[in-house]
């Protein structure tokens, strides 16, 4: 389902950080083109 897809990983400071999302998505076969962690308040 994710093989060969390009994604943007937007993490949240109090939730799941961007680098963790990026690692999971890469393991699923995607190419992470941008990742960040933000604080949404």
Protein backbone atom coordinates (compact mmCIF):
# COMPACT_ATOMS: atom_id res chain seq x y z
CA UNK A 1 0.00 0.00 0.00
CA UNK A 2 2.85 2.43 0.80
CA UNK A 3 5.58 1.06 -1.48
CA UNK A 4 7.14 3.83 -3.53
CA UNK A 5 5.03 6.63 -2.01
CA UNK A 6 6.50 9.94 -0.87
CA UNK A 7 5.28 11.27 2.47
CA UNK A 8 5.61 14.20 4.86
CA UNK A 9 5.78 13.19 8.53
CA UNK A 10 4.31 15.81 10.88
CA UNK A 11 4.89 14.85 14.50
CA UNK A 12 3.61 16.46 17.67
CA UNK A 13 5.69 17.38 20.71
CA UNK A 14 3.38 15.80 23.30
CA UNK A 15 2.40 12.91 21.04
CA UNK A 16 4.47 11.02 18.48
CA UNK A 17 7.61 12.92 17.35
CA UNK A 18 8.33 13.36 13.63
CA UNK A 19 11.50 11.19 13.57
CA UNK A 20 9.57 8.24 15.04
CA UNK A 21 6.82 8.62 12.43
CA UNK A 22 9.47 8.86 9.71
CA UNK A 23 11.15 5.63 10.83
CA UNK A 24 7.86 3.74 10.86
CA UNK A 25 6.88 5.06 7.45
CA UNK A 26 10.28 4.17 5.98
CA UNK A 27 9.93 0.64 7.35
CA UNK A 28 6.57 0.46 5.55
CA UNK A 29 8.30 1.24 2.23
CA UNK A 30 7.78 4.98 1.82
CA UNK A 31 10.25 7.74 1.05
CA UNK A 32 10.06 10.46 3.70
CA UNK A 33 10.74 13.76 1.94
CA UNK A 34 10.24 15.97 5.00
CA UNK A 35 9.76 15.38 8.70
CA UNK A 36 9.27 17.76 11.61
CA UNK A 37 7.98 17.93 15.15
CA UNK A 38 5.73 20.82 16.12
CA UNK A 39 3.86 22.01 19.20
CA UNK A 40 0.14 22.39 18.49
CA UNK A 41 -1.48 24.40 21.29
